[in-house]
């Protein structure tokens, strides 16, 4: 009886103590200026998780220009642990546990990028969709939450989110101690020529030849394939804003980039494709490219295209071997999918400034890339001038993460991150 009573007492005490801590933390959150919080279900029973709306200036250089609400997710564990800031490049669709936060047992804040998802201003002034403005969003968030988390901070992001991680550190180098961008390009031209040069040499000559052969066969049988594309649209209930012919030819041009980025099928499978329109079209469908040209996809990625052609760069298509077969594509540039009204002046040299800064001052960066991912072609290459490490996974693609490396390499990277975080400032 005494043991039961003691157990119940301890259980009630623990519950009461946890409730006090919970209440205390929520109260501290509510004390932060300009935020609204909502408690949500967590992916981890040890963490308190919140969806938070934070007021941001539309123009951080002119706060009187208006505000918008930016969505973030906070996963709280322990105020004495580090904080991982996840800089999304697009919409933050959900809360999740990032690789760095899991490895460090850290608190985590995921930030939706401005102009995406729920973080869209009422008035779309596209000139305010710049790397500086987005970095200033992150700067305000970090400064605000450092009132709760005074310890070390690490920023991370994947793909365009990884680019965002780099830009944030460039503009505000002292906000975080470590930056861990995954598969992040850093283009230095509006359409960076290094990407097409990479596609001419990546993989084996045999595989590149097979990809080119598929492209040629698709274009040769274009007249017979277009009715199959019409049926595909009906079956999938999708609509293209552009003509079927234009979409089809751009999808064909996109095949090598998508193949090396995501490896949707093997090189060996290309040999087995029959020459029939149906078999060739199915291989194009297998790449997953076609859905990217739907109204929904183009609408979702529109802010990215604005950014790409205003500042952060993108790629065009090498048509030297296919030009004579193209009937609808006269300008092999992805800018075709950007409305004329949103073709803003390109901010020359901005990305070169970031490159130069990384080369001279980009310390405590851990870069993760896949060897065959086309975006690796425009990645930073740290040297002895900075304390940084670039890891490239042999045979890796755009989905490459630290967990994909050999255990010895993983441990080396994790130890290095912890070493940087433990450095005295």
Foldseek 3Di string as FASTA:
>chain_A
DVVVVVVVVVVVVVVVVVVVVVVVVVVVVVVFPAKDWDFDDDPDPQWTKIKMWGWDQLAPVDSVVDIWIWIKMKTDHDLAFEEEEQQELAAPPDDDQDPVCVLRVHIYMYTHFACHDRRDDPDCPLVSNALVNRLVVVVVVLVRCCVRRVAAYEYEYAASSLVSQLSNCVVVVPSHLAYEYELYFQAQDLARPLLVVLLVDFDDPLLSVLLVVLLQLCLVCVVVQLVVVVVVCVVVVFDAPDDSLVLSNLLSQCVSQLCLAPVLDDSVVSVVQDSDSVSSVVVSVSSVSSVCRTPVNLVRCQSVNLHSQAERHHHFGDCPPPVVSRDPDPDRGPCVSHDPVSNDHHPHCPSVVSLVCCQQPVENYEYEEEPRNSSVSRDHDHDPNYHYYYDYHDRGHSPDDLVPDPPVSSVVVSVSNVVSSPDDD
